[in-house]
Amino acid sequence: MALPTLQTLRIGLVGAGFIANFHLEALVAVRNVRVAGIFSSRAEKREAAAAKAEALGLGPCRAFTSLESMLGSGEIDAVWILAPNDVRIEAMRTIRDLAAVGGAGPLRAVACEKPLARTLGEAKEMLGLAREAGLIHGYLENQLFMPAVQRGHDIIWRRAVPESGRPYIARAAEEHSGPHEPWFWQAEKQGGGVLLDMMCHSVEVARFLLTAPGEPRAALKPISATASVATLKWGRPDYAERLRRAMGPEVDYSRRPAEDFARGLVRLEDPQGNELVIEATTSWAYVGAGLRLSLELLGPEYAMEFNSLGTGLKVFLGGEGGSRSGGEDLVEKQNAERGLMPVIEDEAAAYGYVHENRHFVEAFRRGEAPAETFEDGVEVVAMLMALYRSAELGRTVGFDEPGLDAYVPEAARRSIA
């Protein structure tokens, strides 16, 4: 039975960390939405996030002490799962259990941040739980909704492809100096290292660029994966000690490192049997102004490219800079405080969070599936696990090889042990 269209979608956030702040800032530009509740296991985080939602005019918003109490309030139509990777599956199990006994109130939809899970087995369970709960589901992949990506995709497929044929290579890279929170650096909690944390963006935005408008993403069949990983910077003794001091004793890259550099190549086939290539590079060992995203799409007679640090706005800050404290007021993962600095005028919009949230709110409000679903999240994790397995075995891995569902990346296995 079709769901009625809601005048206002009331959403609840599970998690109140760095990514939740991006979503709150993005939702200011979205109509027909209210952030009605926020749950985090850390009281100071949930209270601060709820206060921010109120200050931004997104409320009234309440901070809840449990997921059960938030859903039991009867004020939540959709949930955004933004919690750390290791607790997402438990959150989804709780949602399924509550839905089974009528304890989820008017909940109609669930969205989950990238990556959907730490392993392919977990990702498939996330999808199964959403289906069992009878919920519309969406996979929050912000880079796919970046204005540059959406505009470039439209131009290439509308103007270039009809003249010379569909694209055959998509390159994507994401690089910065490392994550904000300790759990990202702990392979058993995060699921791996930079490959899982950031290549999930790269392979999916590349797959989107290679897919024709209106064509199902499954039209591109993955054939094989080849990858290599390395710990280049943060395993060095001085940097491992620096990381331990910053993140706490549970983060010890001298004994339990994960990769801080990864390169992967995924071969696919289009519906006509032509070979396509996704080439992705990710790094936590990049030194530059800050987070750098770069994309290329190549076809028979055309090319598209984007670099997030090639901004229109730049500022020069001279002198010794002794009076300026460090921050991220110019660009995410900012590394420098003086010199000629690129400035991203509106990061929530430039990185796709505004368009992403606008799309998901409208889809869920109308009772429709969004452009990215948990099925896409499962396919992304399948590509990541194949890449990890290739790096560990030192050979190309086919997607038809058995054992991928149960595979756990080597760094996570070592960390657990």
Protein backbone atom coordinates (compact mmCIF):
# COMPACT_ATOMS: atom_id res chain seq x y z
CA MET A 1 0.00 0.00 0.00
CA ALA A 2 1.33 3.41 -0.96
CA LEU A 3 2.35 5.65 1.90
CA PRO A 4 0.71 9.08 2.19
CA THR A 5 2.83 12.15 1.51
CA LEU A 6 3.84 13.89 4.71
CA GLN A 7 3.75 17.66 5.00
CA THR A 8 6.88 17.55 7.17
CA LEU A 9 9.33 14.67 7.56
CA ARG A 10 10.41 14.34 11.19
CA ILE A 11 13.84 12.77 11.36
CA GLY A 12 15.88 11.34 14.21
CA LEU A 13 19.66 11.19 14.15
CA VAL A 14 21.48 8.20 15.62
CA GLY A 15 24.92 9.61 16.35
CA ALA A 16 26.02 13.16 17.12
CA GLY A 17 29.61 13.38 15.92
CA PHE A 18 31.45 15.08 13.07
CA ILE A 19 29.22 13.79 10.27
CA ALA A 20 26.02 14.68 12.17
CA ASN A 21 27.15 18.31 12.22
CA PHE A 22 27.53 18.26 8.43
CA HIS A 23 23.98 16.92 8.09
CA LEU A 24 22.57 19.54 10.46
CA GLU A 25 24.24 22.34 8.51
CA ALA A 26 22.95 20.87 5.23
CA LEU A 27 19.37 20.44 6.48
CA VAL A 28 19.07 24.21 6.99
CA ALA A 29 18.74 24.43 3.18
CA VAL A 30 16.07 21.70 2.98
CA ARG A 31 12.33 22.31 3.10
CA ASN A 32 9.61 20.19 4.71
CA VAL A 33 11.86 18.68 7.38
CA ARG A 34 12.28 18.82 11.13
CA VAL A 35 15.06 17.28 13.20
CA ALA A 36 12.83 15.96 15.98
CA GLY A 37 15.30 13.87 17.95
CA ILE A 38 18.95 12.98 18.44
CA PHE A 39 20.32 9.92 20.20
CA SER A 40 23.95 9.36 21.11
CA SER A 41 25.41 7.20 23.86
CA ARG A 42 27.48 10.25 24.91
CA ALA A 43 25.31 12.71 26.81
CA GLU A 44 27.43 15.77 26.02
CA LYS A 45 27.35 14.98 22.30
CA ARG A 46 23.58 14.47 22.04
CA GLU A 47 22.83 17.57 24.14
CA ALA A 48 25.15 19.72 22.02
CA ALA A 49 23.72 18.39 18.76
CA ALA A 50 20.14 18.95 19.90
CA ALA A 51 21.05 22.50 20.94
CA LYS A 52 22.63 23.09 17.53
CA ALA A 53 19.50 21.80 15.76
CA GLU A 54 17.44 24.24 17.81
CA ALA A 55 19.83 27.11 17.11
CA LEU A 56 19.67 26.40 13.37
CA GLY A 57 15.86 26.48 13.42
CA LEU A 58 15.51 22.76 12.64
CA GLY A 59 13.57 21.86 15.81
CA PRO A 60 11.92 21.56 18.17
CA CYS A 61 14.47 18.82 18.83
CA ARG A 62 14.90 16.54 21.86
CA ALA A 63 18.01 14.69 23.02
CA PHE A 64 17.10 11.06 23.81
CA THR A 65 18.95 8.68 26.11
CA SER A 66 18.15 5.61 23.97
CA LEU A 67 17.12 4.66 20.46
CA GLU A 68 14.08 2.90 21.91
CA SER A 69 12.85 6.04 23.65
CA MET A 70 13.40 8.15 20.52
CA LEU A 71 11.38 5.83 18.29
CA GLY A 72 8.82 5.24 21.05
CA SER A 73 8.14 8.98 21.24
CA GLY A 74 5.93 8.74 18.16
CA GLU A 75 7.69 11.79 16.70
CA ILE A 76 10.08 10.13 14.25
CA ASP A 77 9.23 9.35 10.61
CA ALA A 78 12.75 8.55 9.42
CA VAL A 79 16.09 7.71 11.02
CA TRP A 80 19.56 8.80 9.86
CA ILE A 81 22.13 6.26 11.19
CA LEU A 82 25.31 8.32 11.64
CA ALA A 83 26.92 6.38 14.50
CA PRO A 84 30.37 4.71 14.31
CA ASN A 85 30.67 1.68 12.02
CA ASP A 86 30.75 -0.94 14.77
CA VAL A 87 27.37 0.05 16.27
CA ARG A 88 25.36 0.52 13.07
CA ILE A 89 24.32 -3.13 12.82
CA GLU A 90 23.04 -3.07 16.43
CA ALA A 91 21.07 0.09 15.74
CA MET A 92 19.46 -1.57 12.72
CA ARG A 93 18.65 -4.69 14.74
CA THR A 94 16.96 -2.53 17.37
CA ILE A 95 14.93 -0.74 14.71
CA ARG A 96 13.83 -4.08 13.24
CA ASP A 97 12.90 -5.47 16.66
CA LEU A 98 10.88 -2.37 17.56
CA ALA A 99 9.09 -2.40 14.21
CA ALA A 100 8.16 -6.08 14.72
CA VAL A 101 6.24 -5.28 17.93
CA GLY A 102 4.82 -1.92 16.82
CA GLY A 103 7.27 0.03 18.95
CA ALA A 104 8.73 2.17 16.16
CA GLY A 105 5.74 4.51 15.94
CA PRO A 106 5.20 6.13 12.53
CA LEU A 107 8.73 5.24 11.31
CA ARG A 108 8.67 4.73 7.54
CA ALA A 109 12.31 5.03 6.43
CA VAL A 110 15.91 4.57 7.46
CA ALA A 111 19.08 6.03 5.94
CA CYS A 112 22.64 4.99 6.79
CA GLU A 113 25.93 6.80 6.32
CA LYS A 114 28.80 5.30 4.36
CA PRO A 115 29.99 2.57 4.50
CA LEU A 116 26.85 0.53 5.10
CA ALA A 117 28.83 -2.02 7.16
CA ARG A 118 32.30 -3.36 7.98
CA THR A 119 31.93 -6.62 6.02
CA LEU A 120 29.79 -7.92 3.18
CA GLY A 121 27.99 -10.26 5.58
CA GLU A 122 27.09 -7.31 7.81
CA ALA A 123 25.99 -5.23 4.82
CA LYS A 124 23.64 -7.96 3.61
CA GLU A 125 22.23 -8.23 7.13
CA MET A 126 21.60 -4.45 7.19
CA LEU A 127 19.59 -4.79 3.98
CA GLY A 128 17.70 -7.81 5.30
CA LEU A 129 16.83 -6.03 8.56
CA ALA A 130 15.46 -2.99 6.70
CA ARG A 131 13.30 -5.25 4.57
CA GLU A 132 12.07 -7.19 7.60
CA ALA A 133 11.11 -3.91 9.26
CA GLY A 134 9.17 -2.91 6.14
CA LEU A 135 11.10 0.34 5.81
CA ILE A 136 12.16 2.41 2.82
CA HIS A 137 15.95 2.46 2.94
CA GLY A 138 18.61 4.83 1.66
CA TYR A 139 22.41 4.84 1.50
CA LEU A 140 23.90 8.24 2.34
CA GLU A 141 26.70 8.75 -0.18
CA ASN A 142 27.22 12.51 -0.28
CA GLN A 143 29.82 12.65 -3.06
CA LEU A 144 27.35 11.32 -5.60
CA PHE A 145 25.24 14.43 -4.87
CA MET A 146 28.07 16.95 -5.21
CA PRO A 147 26.95 19.72 -7.59
CA ALA A 148 30.10 19.20 -9.68
CA VAL A 149 29.36 15.48 -10.00
CA GLN A 150 25.70 15.93 -10.86
CA ARG A 151 26.41 18.70 -13.36
CA GLY A 152 29.34 16.88 -14.96
CA HIS A 153 27.34 13.65 -15.25
CA ASP A 154 24.48 15.51 -16.93
CA ILE A 155 26.70 17.28 -19.47
CA ILE A 156 28.75 14.20 -20.41
CA TRP A 157 25.75 11.93 -20.90
CA ARG A 158 23.61 14.59 -22.63
CA ARG A 159 26.23 16.07 -24.95
CA ALA A 160 29.29 13.84 -25.27
CA VAL A 161 28.03 10.24 -25.08
CA PRO A 162 25.50 10.51 -27.96
CA GLU A 163 28.32 11.68 -30.26
CA SER A 164 31.06 9.14 -29.50
CA GLY A 165 29.88 6.52 -27.00
CA ARG A 166 29.70 5.89 -23.28
CA PRO A 167 32.65 6.57 -20.93
CA TYR A 168 35.08 3.79 -20.08
CA ILE A 169 37.32 5.07 -17.26
CA ALA A 170 36.31 6.83 -14.04
CA ARG A 171 39.06 7.92 -11.67
CA ALA A 172 38.39 9.11 -8.13
CA ALA A 173 40.74 10.08 -5.31
CA GLU A 174 40.17 11.26 -1.76
CA GLU A 175 43.11 12.32 0.37
CA HIS A 176 43.66 14.05 3.70
CA SER A 177 45.83 13.88 6.81
CA GLY A 178 43.66 11.48 8.84
CA PRO A 179 40.32 11.16 10.65
CA HIS A 180 39.06 13.13 13.67
CA GLU A 181 38.02 10.42 16.13
CA PRO A 182 39.91 7.47 17.67
CA TRP A 183 37.47 4.80 16.44
CA PHE A 184 38.35 5.55 12.81
CA TRP A 185 41.93 4.47 13.53
CA GLN A 186 40.90 1.22 15.28
CA ALA A 187 40.51 -1.44 12.60
CA GLU A 188 38.28 -3.70 14.68
CA LYS A 189 35.77 -0.86 15.18
CA GLN A 190 36.05 0.87 11.83
CA GLY A 191 36.45 -2.37 9.85
CA GLY A 192 39.81 -1.58 8.27
CA GLY A 193 41.78 1.52 7.37
CA VAL A 194 41.60 4.18 4.69
CA LEU A 195 40.34 1.76 2.01
CA LEU A 196 37.08 1.10 3.87
CA ASP A 197 36.75 4.60 5.27
CA MET A 198 37.24 6.54 2.03
CA MET A 199 37.31 4.27 -0.99
CA CYS A 200 33.61 3.62 -0.34
CA HIS A 201 33.13 7.18 -1.65
CA SER A 202 35.46 6.75 -4.59
CA VAL A 203 34.11 3.52 -6.06
CA GLU A 204 30.48 4.61 -5.80
CA VAL A 205 30.87 8.08 -7.27
CA ALA A 206 32.92 6.50 -10.07
CA ARG A 207 30.25 3.86 -10.66
CA PHE A 208 27.62 6.61 -10.82
CA LEU A 209 29.62 8.56 -13.40
CA LEU A 210 29.89 5.44 -15.57
CA THR A 211 26.14 4.74 -15.36
CA ALA A 212 23.70 6.26 -17.86
CA PRO A 213 20.86 8.47 -16.56
CA GLY A 214 17.89 6.28 -15.68
CA GLU A 215 19.95 3.11 -16.01
CA PRO A 216 19.94 0.83 -12.96
CA ARG A 217 23.30 0.77 -11.21
CA ALA A 218 23.21 -3.03 -11.47
CA ALA A 219 23.49 -2.65 -15.25
CA LEU A 220 27.25 -2.44 -14.71
CA LYS A 221 28.52 -5.91 -13.81
CA PRO A 222 31.68 -6.04 -11.62
CA ILE A 223 34.18 -8.58 -12.95
CA SER A 224 37.39 -8.31 -10.93
CA ALA A 225 39.27 -6.22 -8.38
CA THR A 226 42.98 -5.48 -8.01
CA ALA A 227 44.40 -3.48 -5.11
CA SER A 228 47.42 -2.64 -3.01
CA VAL A 229 47.57 -1.09 0.46
CA ALA A 230 50.36 0.31 2.61
CA THR A 231 51.01 2.03 5.94
CA LEU A 232 53.30 4.80 4.76
CA LYS A 233 53.17 7.53 7.39
CA TRP A 234 51.34 6.63 10.58
CA GLY A 235 53.28 3.42 11.24
CA ARG A 236 56.59 5.29 11.49
CA PRO A 237 57.68 5.38 15.16
CA ASP A 238 57.51 9.15 15.62
CA TYR A 239 54.14 9.46 13.88
CA ALA A 240 52.71 6.40 15.66
CA GLU A 241 53.62 8.06 18.96
CA ARG A 242 52.11 11.36 17.81
CA LEU A 243 48.91 9.52 16.89
CA ARG A 244 48.83 7.72 20.25
CA ARG A 245 49.14 11.02 22.12
CA ALA A 246 46.38 12.62 20.08
CA MET A 247 43.92 9.71 20.01
CA GLY A 248 44.65 7.81 23.21
CA PRO A 249 46.42 4.56 24.13
CA GLU A 250 43.85 2.37 22.34
CA VAL A 251 45.24 3.70 19.02
CA ASP A 252 48.69 2.10 18.66
CA TYR A 253 49.97 2.04 15.08
CA SER A 254 53.33 0.70 16.22
CA ARG A 255 51.59 -2.60 17.10
CA ARG A 256 48.16 -2.52 15.43
CA PRO A 257 48.38 -0.48 12.22
CA ALA A 258 45.81 -0.25 9.45
CA GLU A 259 46.57 1.00 5.96
CA ASP A 260 46.85 4.77 5.44
CA PHE A 261 47.19 4.44 1.65
CA ALA A 262 45.20 2.33 -0.81
CA ARG A 263 44.94 2.04 -4.56
CA GLY A 264 42.29 -0.05 -6.28
CA LEU A 265 41.12 -0.96 -9.76
CA VAL A 266 37.70 -2.49 -10.43
CA ARG A 267 36.88 -3.88 -13.88
CA LEU A 268 33.24 -3.94 -14.96
CA GLU A 269 31.14 -4.65 -18.06
CA ASP A 270 28.43 -2.40 -19.42
CA PRO A 271 25.16 -3.80 -20.88
CA GLN A 272 26.84 -4.12 -24.32
CA GLY A 273 29.72 -6.16 -22.90
CA ASN A 274 32.27 -3.35 -23.12
CA GLU A 275 34.99 -3.22 -20.49
CA LEU A 276 34.91 -0.33 -18.00
CA VAL A 277 37.44 0.61 -15.33
CA ILE A 278 37.14 2.30 -11.94
CA GLU A 279 40.51 3.55 -10.67
CA ALA A 280 40.53 4.80 -7.07
CA THR A 281 43.19 6.18 -4.72
CA THR A 282 42.73 7.09 -1.05
CA SER A 283 45.14 8.30 1.59
CA TRP A 284 45.39 9.43 5.21
CA ALA A 285 49.01 10.38 4.49
CA TYR A 286 48.33 13.38 2.24
CA VAL A 287 49.97 16.70 3.12
CA GLY A 288 48.35 19.74 1.57
CA ALA A 289 45.94 22.54 2.39
CA GLY A 290 43.32 20.02 3.53
CA LEU A 291 40.90 17.42 2.17
CA ARG A 292 41.39 16.94 -1.58
CA LEU A 293 38.79 15.28 -3.79
CA SER A 294 39.61 14.72 -7.44
CA LEU A 295 37.57 13.08 -10.19
CA GLU A 296 38.04 12.26 -13.86
CA LEU A 297 35.71 10.68 -16.41
CA LEU A 298 37.14 9.64 -19.77
CA GLY A 299 35.41 8.55 -22.95
CA PRO A 300 36.21 8.19 -26.68
CA GLU A 301 36.24 11.91 -27.48
CA TYR A 302 35.85 13.70 -24.15
CA ALA A 303 37.06 14.12 -20.58
CA MET A 304 35.68 15.59 -17.36
CA GLU A 305 37.75 16.58 -14.33
CA PHE A 306 37.24 18.11 -10.90
CA ASN A 307 39.55 19.08 -8.02
CA SER A 308 37.97 20.31 -4.79
CA LEU A 309 41.02 22.41 -3.89
CA GLY A 310 40.91 24.28 -7.19
CA THR A 311 38.62 26.81 -5.56
CA GLY A 312 37.56 30.18 -6.87
CA LEU A 313 38.17 31.77 -3.47
CA LYS A 314 41.69 31.92 -2.01
CA VAL A 315 43.19 33.97 0.79
CA PHE A 316 46.80 34.78 1.61
CA LEU A 317 47.74 34.86 5.29
CA GLY A 318 51.21 36.24 5.88
CA GLY A 319 53.42 36.77 8.90
CA GLU A 320 54.31 34.16 11.49
CA GLY A 321 50.71 33.35 12.30
CA GLY A 322 51.40 33.10 16.02
CA SER A 323 48.06 34.66 16.97
CA ARG A 324 46.00 32.22 14.89
CA SER A 325 44.90 28.96 16.45
CA GLY A 326 44.44 25.82 14.35
CA GLY A 327 41.03 24.98 12.97
CA GLU A 328 39.06 23.94 9.92
CA ASP A 329 37.51 27.29 9.05
CA LEU A 330 38.91 27.34 5.48
CA VAL A 331 38.70 23.69 4.37
CA GLU A 332 38.00 20.32 5.99
CA LYS A 333 41.08 18.55 7.49
CA GLN A 334 42.97 21.86 7.25
CA ASN A 335 46.74 21.41 7.62
CA ALA A 336 48.10 24.97 7.42
CA GLU A 337 47.29 28.33 8.97
CA ARG A 338 49.16 30.71 6.67
CA GLY A 339 50.26 31.16 3.09
CA LEU A 340 48.03 31.08 0.00
CA MET A 341 45.05 29.01 1.13
CA PRO A 342 42.08 27.68 -0.84
CA VAL A 343 38.71 28.32 0.79
CA ILE A 344 35.60 26.22 0.17
CA GLU A 345 32.81 28.73 0.55
CA ASP A 346 30.09 26.27 1.65
CA GLU A 347 31.42 22.78 2.40
CA ALA A 348 28.02 21.25 3.18
CA ALA A 349 26.87 22.22 -0.32
CA ALA A 350 30.15 21.60 -2.19
CA TYR A 351 30.56 18.09 -0.76
CA GLY A 352 26.97 17.15 -1.64
CA TYR A 353 25.32 17.07 1.79
CA VAL A 354 22.70 19.70 0.92
CA HIS A 355 21.55 18.02 -2.31
CA GLU A 356 21.77 14.59 -0.66
CA ASN A 357 19.55 15.57 2.26
CA ARG A 358 17.10 17.40 0.00
CA HIS A 359 16.77 14.28 -2.17
CA PHE A 360 16.36 11.87 0.75
CA VAL A 361 13.87 14.06 2.62
CA GLU A 362 11.68 14.43 -0.45
CA ALA A 363 11.82 10.72 -1.29
CA PHE A 364 10.99 9.62 2.25
CA ARG A 365 8.33 12.31 2.66
CA ARG A 366 6.58 10.99 -0.44
CA GLY A 367 7.04 7.34 0.52
CA GLU A 368 9.45 6.60 -2.34
CA ALA A 369 12.83 4.88 -2.60
CA PRO A 370 15.76 7.32 -3.03
CA ALA A 371 18.39 7.13 -5.77
CA GLU A 372 20.83 5.34 -3.41
CA THR A 373 19.48 2.43 -1.35
CA PHE A 374 20.90 -0.24 0.93
CA GLU A 375 21.26 -2.40 -2.20
CA ASP A 376 23.83 0.10 -3.46
CA GLY A 377 25.51 0.05 -0.07
CA VAL A 378 25.83 -3.74 -0.31
CA GLU A 379 27.40 -3.47 -3.78
CA VAL A 380 29.89 -0.90 -2.50
CA VAL A 381 30.97 -3.14 0.38
CA ALA A 382 31.31 -6.06 -2.05
CA MET A 383 33.75 -4.00 -4.13
CA LEU A 384 35.69 -2.96 -1.01
CA MET A 385 35.99 -6.52 0.31
CA ALA A 386 37.18 -7.76 -3.09
CA LEU A 387 39.79 -4.99 -3.12
CA TYR A 388 40.95 -5.84 0.40
CA ARG A 389 41.17 -9.52 -0.47
CA SER A 390 43.18 -8.71 -3.59
CA ALA A 391 45.64 -6.63 -1.58
CA GLU A 392 46.07 -9.39 0.98
CA LEU A 393 46.50 -12.20 -1.57
CA GLY A 394 48.63 -10.16 -3.96
CA ARG A 395 46.53 -11.04 -7.00
CA THR A 396 43.43 -10.03 -8.91
CA VAL A 397 40.21 -11.29 -7.28
CA GLY A 398 37.08 -12.20 -9.22
CA PHE A 399 33.66 -11.28 -7.87
CA ASP A 400 32.49 -14.84 -8.51
CA GLU A 401 35.04 -16.30 -6.08
CA PRO A 402 33.50 -17.88 -2.95
CA GLY A 403 34.05 -16.60 0.58
CA LEU A 404 33.59 -12.86 0.08
CA ASP A 405 30.58 -12.66 2.47
CA ALA A 406 32.63 -13.89 5.42
CA TYR A 407 35.84 -12.07 4.56
CA VAL A 408 37.27 -9.70 7.20
CA PRO A 409 40.09 -7.34 6.16
CA GLU A 410 43.51 -8.33 7.46
CA ALA A 411 44.02 -5.21 9.61
CA ALA A 412 40.72 -5.83 11.41
CA ARG A 413 41.61 -9.49 12.01
CA ARG A 414 45.00 -8.51 13.46
CA SER A 415 43.46 -5.83 15.66
CA ILE A 416 40.83 -8.21 17.04
CA ALA A 417 43.50 -10.83 17.74
